[in-house]
N, C-alpha and C. Protein backbone atom coordinates (compact mmCIF):
# COMPACT_ATOMS: atom_id res chain seq x y z
N UNK A 1 -42.82 143.47 43.37
CA UNK A 1 -44.01 143.18 42.49
C UNK A 1 -44.87 141.77 42.94
N UNK A 2 -45.95 142.14 42.72
CA UNK A 2 -46.92 140.97 43.05
C UNK A 2 -46.86 139.92 42.03
N UNK A 3 -47.09 138.55 42.76
CA UNK A 3 -47.11 137.32 42.06
C UNK A 3 -48.35 136.79 41.92
N UNK A 4 -48.93 136.02 41.24
CA UNK A 4 -50.27 135.49 41.12
C UNK A 4 -50.69 134.77 42.40
N UNK A 5 -49.76 134.07 42.91
CA UNK A 5 -50.05 133.44 44.27
C UNK A 5 -50.45 134.41 45.35
N UNK A 6 -49.80 135.83 45.28
CA UNK A 6 -50.13 136.70 46.33
C UNK A 6 -51.77 137.19 46.27
N UNK A 7 -52.20 137.24 44.99
CA UNK A 7 -53.68 137.52 44.69
C UNK A 7 -54.38 136.42 45.29
N UNK A 8 -54.11 135.02 45.27
CA UNK A 8 -54.66 133.89 45.69
C UNK A 8 -54.76 134.08 47.31
N UNK A 9 -53.69 134.28 47.89
CA UNK A 9 -53.41 134.39 49.30
C UNK A 9 -54.37 135.76 49.87
N UNK A 10 -54.38 136.78 49.19
CA UNK A 10 -55.29 137.81 49.38
C UNK A 10 -56.82 137.42 49.42
N UNK A 11 -57.20 136.69 48.34
CA UNK A 11 -58.61 136.33 48.21
C UNK A 11 -59.01 135.28 49.28
N UNK A 12 -58.22 134.54 49.71
CA UNK A 12 -58.47 133.61 50.66
C UNK A 12 -58.62 134.46 52.05
N UNK A 13 -57.82 135.53 52.43
CA UNK A 13 -58.03 136.36 53.51
C UNK A 13 -59.25 137.07 53.38
N UNK A 14 -59.59 137.63 52.40
CA UNK A 14 -60.87 138.29 51.98
C UNK A 14 -61.93 137.57 52.25
N UNK A 15 -62.02 136.26 51.72
CA UNK A 15 -63.06 135.33 52.06
C UNK A 15 -63.18 134.74 53.45
N UNK A 16 -62.29 134.87 54.25
CA UNK A 16 -62.45 134.33 55.64
C UNK A 16 -63.37 135.23 56.57
N UNK A 17 -64.06 134.57 57.40
CA UNK A 17 -64.95 135.27 58.40
C UNK A 17 -64.20 135.98 59.52
N UNK A 18 -63.00 135.28 59.81
CA UNK A 18 -62.11 135.69 60.74
C UNK A 18 -60.70 135.82 60.27
N UNK A 19 -60.43 136.86 59.35
CA UNK A 19 -59.07 136.87 58.84
C UNK A 19 -57.81 137.12 59.88
N UNK A 20 -58.38 137.78 61.01
CA UNK A 20 -57.46 137.95 62.07
C UNK A 20 -57.08 136.60 62.81
N UNK A 21 -57.63 135.55 62.67
CA UNK A 21 -57.41 134.29 63.17
C UNK A 21 -56.78 133.28 62.37
N UNK A 22 -56.50 133.87 61.14
CA UNK A 22 -55.74 133.02 60.24
C UNK A 22 -54.39 133.06 60.25
N UNK A 23 -53.70 131.82 60.56
CA UNK A 23 -52.27 131.64 60.59
C UNK A 23 -51.63 131.40 59.32
N UNK A 24 -50.37 131.63 59.26
CA UNK A 24 -49.67 131.60 57.87
C UNK A 24 -49.71 129.98 57.55
N UNK A 25 -49.52 129.05 58.61
CA UNK A 25 -49.35 127.46 58.55
C UNK A 25 -50.77 127.33 57.97
N UNK A 26 -51.80 127.90 58.35
CA UNK A 26 -53.19 127.32 57.94
C UNK A 26 -53.42 127.67 56.59
N UNK A 27 -53.02 128.96 56.30
CA UNK A 27 -53.04 129.49 54.75
C UNK A 27 -52.34 128.46 53.92
N UNK A 28 -51.26 128.06 54.32
CA UNK A 28 -50.28 127.15 53.41
C UNK A 28 -51.05 125.70 53.33
N UNK A 29 -51.92 125.26 54.49
CA UNK A 29 -52.56 124.05 54.31
C UNK A 29 -53.53 124.23 53.23
N UNK A 30 -54.54 125.24 53.66
CA UNK A 30 -55.71 125.55 52.70
C UNK A 30 -55.42 125.75 51.30
N UNK A 31 -54.30 126.49 51.05
CA UNK A 31 -54.08 126.85 49.48
C UNK A 31 -53.06 125.77 48.83
N UNK A 32 -52.72 124.93 49.52
CA UNK A 32 -51.74 123.84 49.05
C UNK A 32 -50.56 124.41 48.49
N UNK A 33 -49.92 125.46 49.38
CA UNK A 33 -48.76 126.17 49.17
C UNK A 33 -47.67 125.96 50.27
N UNK A 34 -46.37 126.18 49.99
CA UNK A 34 -45.55 126.03 51.18
C UNK A 34 -45.53 127.20 51.98
N UNK A 35 -45.03 127.11 53.14
CA UNK A 35 -45.12 128.17 54.17
C UNK A 35 -44.24 129.31 53.60
N UNK A 36 -43.21 128.95 52.98
CA UNK A 36 -42.32 130.13 52.55
C UNK A 36 -42.99 130.94 51.45
N UNK A 37 -43.88 130.27 50.59
CA UNK A 37 -44.64 130.81 49.53
C UNK A 37 -45.73 131.84 50.29
N UNK A 38 -46.29 131.46 51.39
CA UNK A 38 -47.23 132.19 51.89
C UNK A 38 -46.59 133.39 52.62
N UNK A 39 -45.54 133.26 53.46
CA UNK A 39 -44.75 134.30 54.20
C UNK A 39 -44.30 135.34 53.09
N UNK A 40 -43.64 134.96 51.95
CA UNK A 40 -43.25 136.01 51.05
C UNK A 40 -44.29 136.66 50.36
N UNK A 41 -45.48 135.81 50.15
CA UNK A 41 -46.46 136.61 49.52
C UNK A 41 -47.15 137.70 50.42
N UNK A 42 -47.24 137.33 51.75
CA UNK A 42 -47.89 138.45 52.67
C UNK A 42 -46.92 139.60 52.72
N UNK A 43 -45.59 139.28 52.68
CA UNK A 43 -44.75 140.45 52.69
C UNK A 43 -45.08 141.34 51.50
N UNK A 44 -45.03 140.73 50.29
CA UNK A 44 -45.44 141.42 49.08
C UNK A 44 -46.91 142.15 49.10
N UNK A 45 -47.72 141.56 49.69
CA UNK A 45 -48.96 142.14 49.94
C UNK A 45 -49.06 143.46 50.79
N UNK A 46 -48.24 143.43 51.83
CA UNK A 46 -48.08 144.47 52.64
C UNK A 46 -47.21 145.55 52.09
N UNK A 47 -46.25 145.18 51.31
CA UNK A 47 -45.47 146.28 50.62
C UNK A 47 -46.22 147.02 49.48
N UNK A 48 -47.28 146.17 48.96
CA UNK A 48 -48.03 146.92 47.77
C UNK A 48 -49.17 147.70 48.52
N UNK A 49 -49.48 147.53 49.79
CA UNK A 49 -50.49 148.27 50.52
C UNK A 49 -51.91 147.62 50.26
N UNK A 50 -51.84 146.47 50.06
CA UNK A 50 -53.26 145.57 50.01
C UNK A 50 -53.58 145.02 51.38
N UNK A 51 -52.52 144.71 52.28
CA UNK A 51 -52.57 144.24 53.67
C UNK A 51 -51.85 145.30 54.50
N UNK A 52 -52.59 145.73 55.64
CA UNK A 52 -52.05 146.68 56.43
C UNK A 52 -52.11 146.12 57.77
N UNK A 53 -51.23 146.73 58.92
CA UNK A 53 -51.14 146.22 60.15
C UNK A 53 -52.28 146.91 60.86
N UNK A 54 -52.95 146.01 61.83
CA UNK A 54 -53.87 146.60 62.70
C UNK A 54 -53.51 146.11 64.05
N UNK A 55 -53.30 147.10 64.93
CA UNK A 55 -52.80 146.78 66.34
C UNK A 55 -53.99 146.31 67.19
N UNK A 56 -53.93 145.08 67.88
CA UNK A 56 -54.96 144.70 68.88
C UNK A 56 -54.22 144.48 70.13
N UNK A 57 -54.97 145.17 71.10
CA UNK A 57 -54.23 144.95 72.55
C UNK A 57 -55.03 143.80 73.12
N UNK A 58 -54.05 142.69 73.55
CA UNK A 58 -54.70 141.71 74.23
C UNK A 58 -54.03 141.63 75.64
N UNK A 59 -54.35 140.72 76.40
CA UNK A 59 -53.98 140.67 77.82
C UNK A 59 -52.48 140.44 77.87
N UNK A 60 -51.95 139.68 76.80
CA UNK A 60 -50.43 139.33 76.84
C UNK A 60 -49.70 140.50 76.27
N UNK A 61 -50.04 141.08 75.27
CA UNK A 61 -49.31 141.98 74.56
C UNK A 61 -49.95 142.67 73.37
N UNK A 62 -49.45 143.61 72.81
CA UNK A 62 -49.94 144.36 71.58
C UNK A 62 -49.62 143.30 70.39
N UNK A 63 -50.69 142.96 69.91
CA UNK A 63 -50.53 141.87 68.60
C UNK A 63 -50.81 142.67 67.35
N UNK A 64 -49.92 142.44 66.49
CA UNK A 64 -49.99 143.15 65.10
C UNK A 64 -50.73 142.04 64.11
N UNK A 65 -51.88 142.38 63.58
CA UNK A 65 -52.59 141.71 62.73
C UNK A 65 -52.62 142.30 61.43
N UNK A 66 -52.46 141.52 60.30
CA UNK A 66 -52.42 142.12 58.89
C UNK A 66 -53.76 141.75 58.44
N UNK A 67 -54.42 142.99 58.03
CA UNK A 67 -55.76 142.87 57.54
C UNK A 67 -55.81 143.61 56.16
N UNK A 68 -56.91 143.00 55.22
CA UNK A 68 -56.92 143.57 54.08
C UNK A 68 -57.35 145.29 54.11
N UNK A 69 -56.73 145.96 53.26
CA UNK A 69 -57.27 147.38 53.03
C UNK A 69 -58.11 147.43 51.91
N UNK A 70 -59.51 147.14 52.12
CA UNK A 70 -60.59 146.93 51.21
C UNK A 70 -60.66 147.70 50.12
N UNK A 71 -60.44 149.06 50.37
CA UNK A 71 -60.23 150.04 49.06
C UNK A 71 -59.26 149.70 48.01
N UNK A 72 -58.10 149.41 48.66
CA UNK A 72 -56.93 149.10 47.82
C UNK A 72 -57.11 147.79 47.07
N UNK A 73 -57.79 146.86 47.75
CA UNK A 73 -57.99 145.47 47.20
C UNK A 73 -58.98 145.79 46.02
N UNK A 74 -60.02 146.52 46.34
CA UNK A 74 -61.10 146.71 45.23
C UNK A 74 -60.39 147.23 43.88
N UNK A 75 -59.62 148.21 44.20
CA UNK A 75 -58.81 148.87 42.96
C UNK A 75 -58.09 147.95 42.23
N UNK A 76 -57.24 147.09 43.05
CA UNK A 76 -56.38 146.17 42.45
C UNK A 76 -57.11 145.08 41.70
N UNK A 77 -57.93 144.41 42.36
CA UNK A 77 -58.74 143.22 41.93
C UNK A 77 -59.50 143.65 40.55
N UNK A 78 -60.15 144.73 40.57
CA UNK A 78 -61.07 145.28 39.49
C UNK A 78 -60.19 145.83 38.28
N UNK A 79 -59.31 146.60 38.67
CA UNK A 79 -58.55 147.28 37.58
C UNK A 79 -57.32 146.89 37.12
N UNK A 80 -56.65 146.01 38.18
CA UNK A 80 -55.17 145.61 37.72
C UNK A 80 -55.03 144.27 37.43
N UNK A 81 -55.75 143.25 38.13
CA UNK A 81 -55.43 141.87 37.88
C UNK A 81 -55.63 141.41 36.29
N UNK A 82 -56.49 141.85 35.61
CA UNK A 82 -56.72 141.43 34.26
C UNK A 82 -55.42 141.95 33.32
N UNK A 83 -54.88 142.91 33.65
CA UNK A 83 -53.62 143.30 32.95
C UNK A 83 -52.33 142.69 33.35
N UNK A 84 -52.27 142.43 34.68
CA UNK A 84 -50.91 141.86 35.31
C UNK A 84 -51.00 140.43 34.91
N UNK A 85 -52.07 139.86 35.11
CA UNK A 85 -52.30 138.28 35.02
C UNK A 85 -53.32 137.94 33.99
N UNK A 86 -52.81 138.23 32.66
CA UNK A 86 -53.96 137.83 31.56
C UNK A 86 -54.07 136.47 31.41
N UNK A 87 -55.07 136.04 30.74
CA UNK A 87 -55.22 134.58 30.45
C UNK A 87 -56.02 134.22 29.18
N UNK A 88 -55.73 133.28 28.47
CA UNK A 88 -56.41 132.78 27.29
C UNK A 88 -56.86 131.30 27.61
N UNK A 89 -58.06 131.18 26.98
CA UNK A 89 -58.61 129.79 27.06
C UNK A 89 -57.64 128.92 26.23
N UNK A 90 -57.76 127.73 26.73
CA UNK A 90 -56.72 126.70 26.07
C UNK A 90 -57.54 125.67 25.55
N UNK A 91 -56.94 124.38 25.49
CA UNK A 91 -57.57 123.15 24.91
C UNK A 91 -58.58 122.43 25.83
N UNK A 92 -59.35 121.69 25.16
CA UNK A 92 -60.58 121.13 25.83
C UNK A 92 -60.04 120.15 26.86
N UNK A 93 -60.55 120.29 28.09
CA UNK A 93 -60.14 119.37 29.20
C UNK A 93 -61.23 119.17 30.14
N UNK A 94 -60.90 118.26 31.16
CA UNK A 94 -61.65 118.05 32.44
C UNK A 94 -61.35 118.96 33.61
N UNK A 95 -62.18 119.46 34.31
CA UNK A 95 -61.90 120.42 35.32
C UNK A 95 -62.92 120.98 36.27
N UNK A 96 -62.71 122.14 36.81
CA UNK A 96 -63.58 122.74 37.81
C UNK A 96 -64.12 123.99 37.02
N UNK A 97 -65.36 124.23 37.01
CA UNK A 97 -66.00 125.35 36.42
C UNK A 97 -65.42 126.82 36.94
N UNK A 98 -65.13 127.66 36.09
CA UNK A 98 -64.66 129.04 36.55
C UNK A 98 -65.15 130.07 35.63
N UNK A 99 -64.78 131.27 35.95
CA UNK A 99 -65.23 132.44 35.31
C UNK A 99 -66.78 132.52 35.27
N UNK A 100 -67.43 132.80 34.27
CA UNK A 100 -68.89 133.01 34.08
C UNK A 100 -69.70 131.67 34.20
N UNK A 101 -68.91 130.37 34.18
CA UNK A 101 -69.49 129.20 34.02
C UNK A 101 -69.66 128.69 35.53
N UNK A 102 -69.33 129.34 36.60
CA UNK A 102 -69.38 128.91 37.93
C UNK A 102 -70.82 129.03 38.41
N UNK A 103 -71.31 128.35 39.27
CA UNK A 103 -72.78 128.29 39.87
C UNK A 103 -73.18 129.87 40.30
N UNK A 104 -72.16 130.54 40.59
CA UNK A 104 -72.38 132.00 41.19
C UNK A 104 -73.15 132.69 40.14
N UNK A 105 -72.90 132.42 38.82
CA UNK A 105 -73.47 133.27 37.66
C UNK A 105 -74.59 132.74 37.16
N UNK A 106 -75.22 131.68 37.61
CA UNK A 106 -76.54 131.04 37.17
C UNK A 106 -77.62 132.04 37.14
N UNK A 107 -77.79 132.79 38.09
CA UNK A 107 -78.94 133.80 38.16
C UNK A 107 -78.83 134.92 37.25
N UNK A 108 -77.49 135.23 36.75
CA UNK A 108 -77.18 136.50 35.93
C UNK A 108 -76.81 136.13 34.50
N UNK A 109 -76.44 135.00 34.09
CA UNK A 109 -76.12 134.66 32.57
C UNK A 109 -76.81 133.18 32.20
N UNK A 110 -77.02 133.14 31.08
CA UNK A 110 -77.39 131.92 30.55
C UNK A 110 -76.42 131.50 29.53
N UNK A 111 -75.84 130.24 29.72
CA UNK A 111 -74.79 129.68 29.00
C UNK A 111 -75.43 129.01 27.77
N UNK A 112 -74.87 129.17 26.82
CA UNK A 112 -75.17 128.40 25.48
C UNK A 112 -74.51 127.23 25.30
N UNK A 113 -74.35 126.73 24.16
CA UNK A 113 -73.72 125.27 23.94
C UNK A 113 -72.27 125.42 23.84
N UNK A 114 -71.69 126.52 23.74
CA UNK A 114 -70.06 126.67 23.70
C UNK A 114 -69.43 126.13 24.93
N UNK A 115 -68.40 125.37 24.79
CA UNK A 115 -67.50 124.88 25.89
C UNK A 115 -67.38 126.00 26.99
N UNK A 116 -67.52 125.40 28.24
CA UNK A 116 -67.26 126.45 29.36
C UNK A 116 -65.86 126.56 29.86
N UNK A 117 -65.42 127.44 30.50
CA UNK A 117 -64.12 127.78 31.11
C UNK A 117 -64.06 126.81 32.26
N UNK A 118 -62.83 125.97 32.35
CA UNK A 118 -62.60 125.23 33.55
C UNK A 118 -61.08 125.32 33.99
N UNK A 119 -61.07 125.07 35.24
CA UNK A 119 -59.63 125.09 35.75
C UNK A 119 -59.26 123.72 35.42
N UNK A 120 -58.15 123.30 34.89
CA UNK A 120 -57.75 121.96 34.49
C UNK A 120 -57.59 121.21 35.84
N UNK A 121 -58.19 119.94 35.95
CA UNK A 121 -58.03 119.21 37.08
C UNK A 121 -58.49 117.91 36.75
N UNK A 122 -57.67 116.92 36.96
CA UNK A 122 -57.87 115.53 36.42
C UNK A 122 -59.18 114.79 37.02
N UNK A 123 -59.57 115.31 38.38
CA UNK A 123 -60.54 114.64 39.01
C UNK A 123 -61.78 115.62 38.91
N UNK A 124 -61.91 116.55 38.08
CA UNK A 124 -62.99 117.58 37.67
C UNK A 124 -64.07 116.86 37.20
N UNK A 125 -65.30 117.19 37.47
CA UNK A 125 -66.65 116.65 37.07
C UNK A 125 -67.16 117.39 35.69
N UNK A 126 -66.53 118.45 35.26
CA UNK A 126 -66.92 119.07 34.08
C UNK A 126 -65.91 119.17 32.91
N UNK A 127 -66.37 119.37 31.67
CA UNK A 127 -65.49 119.33 30.63
C UNK A 127 -65.63 120.83 29.81
N UNK A 128 -64.56 121.37 29.62
CA UNK A 128 -64.51 122.61 28.75
C UNK A 128 -63.28 122.99 28.49
N UNK A 129 -63.08 124.35 28.11
CA UNK A 129 -61.78 124.88 27.73
C UNK A 129 -60.88 125.30 28.87
N UNK A 130 -59.59 124.75 28.86
CA UNK A 130 -58.78 125.09 29.93
C UNK A 130 -58.53 126.60 30.21
N UNK A 131 -58.84 126.95 31.45
CA UNK A 131 -58.37 128.35 31.92
C UNK A 131 -57.49 128.18 32.93
N UNK A 132 -56.18 128.76 32.81
CA UNK A 132 -55.27 128.68 33.79
C UNK A 132 -55.68 129.44 34.91
N UNK A 133 -55.63 128.82 36.09
CA UNK A 133 -55.95 129.60 37.41
C UNK A 133 -55.05 130.58 37.77
N UNK A 134 -55.22 131.44 38.64
CA UNK A 134 -54.17 132.54 38.90
C UNK A 134 -52.81 131.77 39.35
N UNK A 135 -53.08 130.61 40.29
CA UNK A 135 -51.80 129.83 40.65
C UNK A 135 -52.13 128.42 40.53
N UNK A 136 -51.14 127.57 40.16
CA UNK A 136 -51.41 126.22 39.81
C UNK A 136 -52.08 125.47 40.85
N UNK A 137 -51.94 125.73 42.49
CA UNK A 137 -52.49 125.03 43.39
C UNK A 137 -53.95 125.32 43.50
N UNK A 138 -54.71 126.35 42.79
CA UNK A 138 -55.93 126.50 43.02
C UNK A 138 -56.94 125.51 42.83
N UNK A 139 -56.94 124.70 41.72
CA UNK A 139 -57.98 123.55 41.66
C UNK A 139 -57.82 122.54 42.83
N UNK A 140 -56.51 122.18 43.20
CA UNK A 140 -56.34 121.15 44.26
C UNK A 140 -56.72 121.83 45.65
N UNK A 141 -56.48 123.03 45.83
CA UNK A 141 -57.06 123.60 47.03
C UNK A 141 -58.50 123.87 47.12
N UNK A 142 -59.26 124.03 46.10
CA UNK A 142 -60.79 124.00 46.21
C UNK A 142 -61.31 122.50 46.40
N UNK A 143 -60.61 121.57 45.55
CA UNK A 143 -61.06 120.22 45.69
C UNK A 143 -60.87 119.58 47.22
N UNK A 144 -59.66 119.96 47.70
CA UNK A 144 -59.17 119.27 48.99
C UNK A 144 -59.92 120.16 50.24
N UNK A 145 -60.02 121.59 50.19
CA UNK A 145 -60.65 122.19 51.24
C UNK A 145 -61.65 123.22 50.64
N UNK A 146 -62.77 122.62 50.38
CA UNK A 146 -63.92 123.40 49.89
C UNK A 146 -64.17 124.75 50.61
N UNK A 147 -64.30 125.88 50.03
CA UNK A 147 -64.71 127.01 50.76
C UNK A 147 -65.32 128.00 49.74
N UNK A 148 -66.58 127.93 49.75
CA UNK A 148 -67.63 128.57 48.82
C UNK A 148 -67.22 130.12 48.68
N UNK A 149 -67.08 130.86 49.78
CA UNK A 149 -66.65 132.21 49.48
C UNK A 149 -65.37 132.51 48.77
N UNK A 150 -64.39 131.61 49.05
CA UNK A 150 -63.06 131.70 48.47
C UNK A 150 -63.21 131.46 47.03
N UNK A 151 -63.83 130.35 46.79
CA UNK A 151 -64.29 129.90 45.38
C UNK A 151 -64.85 130.92 44.47
N UNK A 152 -65.88 131.65 44.97
CA UNK A 152 -66.62 132.73 44.45
C UNK A 152 -65.79 133.87 44.28
N UNK A 153 -64.91 134.11 45.07
CA UNK A 153 -63.93 135.37 44.87
C UNK A 153 -63.04 134.89 43.64
N UNK A 154 -62.59 133.59 43.72
CA UNK A 154 -61.77 133.39 42.53
C UNK A 154 -62.22 133.46 41.22
N UNK A 155 -63.60 132.87 41.15
CA UNK A 155 -64.23 132.84 39.84
C UNK A 155 -64.77 134.29 39.35
N UNK A 156 -64.94 134.96 40.33
CA UNK A 156 -65.33 136.47 39.93
C UNK A 156 -64.02 137.15 39.33
N UNK A 157 -62.81 136.86 39.85
CA UNK A 157 -61.66 137.40 39.38
C UNK A 157 -61.21 136.79 37.99
N UNK A 158 -61.52 135.63 37.94
CA UNK A 158 -61.24 134.83 36.52
C UNK A 158 -62.32 135.46 35.40
N UNK A 159 -63.62 135.78 35.87
CA UNK A 159 -64.68 136.44 34.94
C UNK A 159 -64.20 137.84 34.68
N UNK A 160 -63.51 138.67 35.54
CA UNK A 160 -62.95 139.96 35.11
C UNK A 160 -61.63 139.72 34.23
N UNK A 161 -60.81 138.63 34.46
CA UNK A 161 -59.83 138.52 33.66
C UNK A 161 -60.00 138.01 32.17
N UNK A 162 -61.23 137.27 31.92
CA UNK A 162 -61.44 136.58 30.80
C UNK A 162 -62.89 136.91 30.17
N UNK A 163 -63.57 137.59 31.00
CA UNK A 163 -64.99 137.59 30.40
C UNK A 163 -65.12 138.87 29.29
N UNK A 164 -66.23 138.93 28.86
CA UNK A 164 -66.54 140.02 27.70
C UNK A 164 -67.16 141.15 28.76
N UNK A 165 -67.40 142.16 28.12
CA UNK A 165 -67.97 143.54 28.84
C UNK A 165 -68.95 143.04 29.94
N UNK A 166 -70.10 142.50 29.31
CA UNK A 166 -71.18 142.06 30.28
C UNK A 166 -70.87 141.30 31.47
N UNK A 167 -69.97 140.23 31.13
CA UNK A 167 -69.59 139.31 32.21
C UNK A 167 -68.60 140.09 33.26
N UNK A 168 -67.76 140.82 32.68
CA UNK A 168 -66.94 141.49 33.55
C UNK A 168 -67.71 142.52 34.56
N UNK A 169 -68.80 143.21 33.91
CA UNK A 169 -69.75 144.20 34.75
C UNK A 169 -70.39 143.38 35.81
N UNK A 170 -70.89 142.35 35.55
CA UNK A 170 -71.54 141.41 36.48
C UNK A 170 -70.57 141.03 37.53
N UNK A 171 -69.42 140.65 37.21
CA UNK A 171 -68.44 140.15 38.15
C UNK A 171 -67.95 141.17 38.98
N UNK A 172 -67.85 142.48 38.57
CA UNK A 172 -67.37 143.54 39.27
C UNK A 172 -68.49 143.83 40.25
N UNK A 173 -69.77 143.99 39.88
CA UNK A 173 -70.91 144.12 40.81
C UNK A 173 -70.96 143.18 41.87
N UNK A 174 -70.78 141.87 41.56
CA UNK A 174 -70.84 140.80 42.52
C UNK A 174 -69.53 140.83 43.53
N UNK A 175 -68.29 141.27 43.01
CA UNK A 175 -67.32 141.37 43.78
C UNK A 175 -67.49 142.30 44.83
N UNK A 176 -67.93 143.49 44.32
CA UNK A 176 -68.20 144.68 45.46
C UNK A 176 -68.94 144.16 46.35
N UNK A 177 -70.05 143.49 46.04
CA UNK A 177 -71.15 142.94 47.13
C UNK A 177 -70.37 142.02 48.01
N UNK A 178 -69.48 141.09 47.48
CA UNK A 178 -68.95 140.06 48.30
C UNK A 178 -67.92 140.87 49.30
N UNK A 179 -67.21 141.98 48.80
CA UNK A 179 -66.22 142.63 49.74
C UNK A 179 -67.11 143.70 50.44
N UNK A 180 -68.29 143.72 50.42
CA UNK A 180 -69.03 144.61 51.30
C UNK A 180 -68.80 146.12 50.94
N UNK A 181 -68.55 146.34 49.66
CA UNK A 181 -68.23 147.75 49.24
C UNK A 181 -69.35 148.32 48.26
N UNK A 182 -69.83 149.47 48.51
CA UNK A 182 -70.96 150.08 47.76
C UNK A 182 -70.45 150.27 46.16
N UNK A 183 -71.28 150.22 45.43
CA UNK A 183 -70.83 150.38 43.91
C UNK A 183 -70.44 151.98 43.83
N UNK A 184 -69.36 152.23 43.10
CA UNK A 184 -69.03 153.65 42.89
C UNK A 184 -69.16 153.92 41.46
N UNK A 185 -69.88 154.99 41.31
CA UNK A 185 -70.08 155.59 39.79
C UNK A 185 -68.79 156.03 39.35
N UNK A 186 -68.30 155.70 38.25
CA UNK A 186 -67.15 156.12 37.45
C UNK A 186 -67.11 157.61 37.47
N UNK A 187 -68.24 158.48 37.31
CA UNK A 187 -68.33 159.83 37.24
C UNK A 187 -67.81 160.51 38.59
N UNK A 188 -68.20 159.76 39.56
CA UNK A 188 -67.88 160.31 40.96
C UNK A 188 -66.44 160.33 41.30
N UNK A 189 -65.72 159.41 40.47
CA UNK A 189 -64.08 159.36 40.77
C UNK A 189 -63.52 160.67 39.99
N UNK A 190 -64.18 161.15 39.01
CA UNK A 190 -63.41 162.12 38.22
C UNK A 190 -63.33 163.47 38.88
């Protein structure tokens, strides 16, 4: 069974320009996780069918690289995460903007005067309602190792997990764009 940190690992791999060059030790550093958490997470992602082996022939040997299976990732992220890892907004706190309050949504939504959702982080520059991230190390990872594509995928998933229908639909559309997937019509799948 997948754990929340597995989705974070998957999103980091999806956000990478060169996922075939990501080493587990690098993932551990970038995500502020232990090497064993990364190793076990990758095993669970493979078992669940979200990562698959790709064989690359090099001069030295046949190298197996774990690459995301984008269609499976799309299905899991859009239709599964909000049910497996639900979230509720908590108390007023300092943190990093997430969900529909992230800069990615500025062109698509106008924020009112309501408190925004933030990942609790003592050094954060914004105040709002606490939204627990998928995994506890996410705010620290984003602050220590800024990665805009990774941050955008995380906030899109949070918008799918917490947003109302309009916010979710925008997040799904943007997620498909980020994953370079064309939008599918629900009718086409029936």
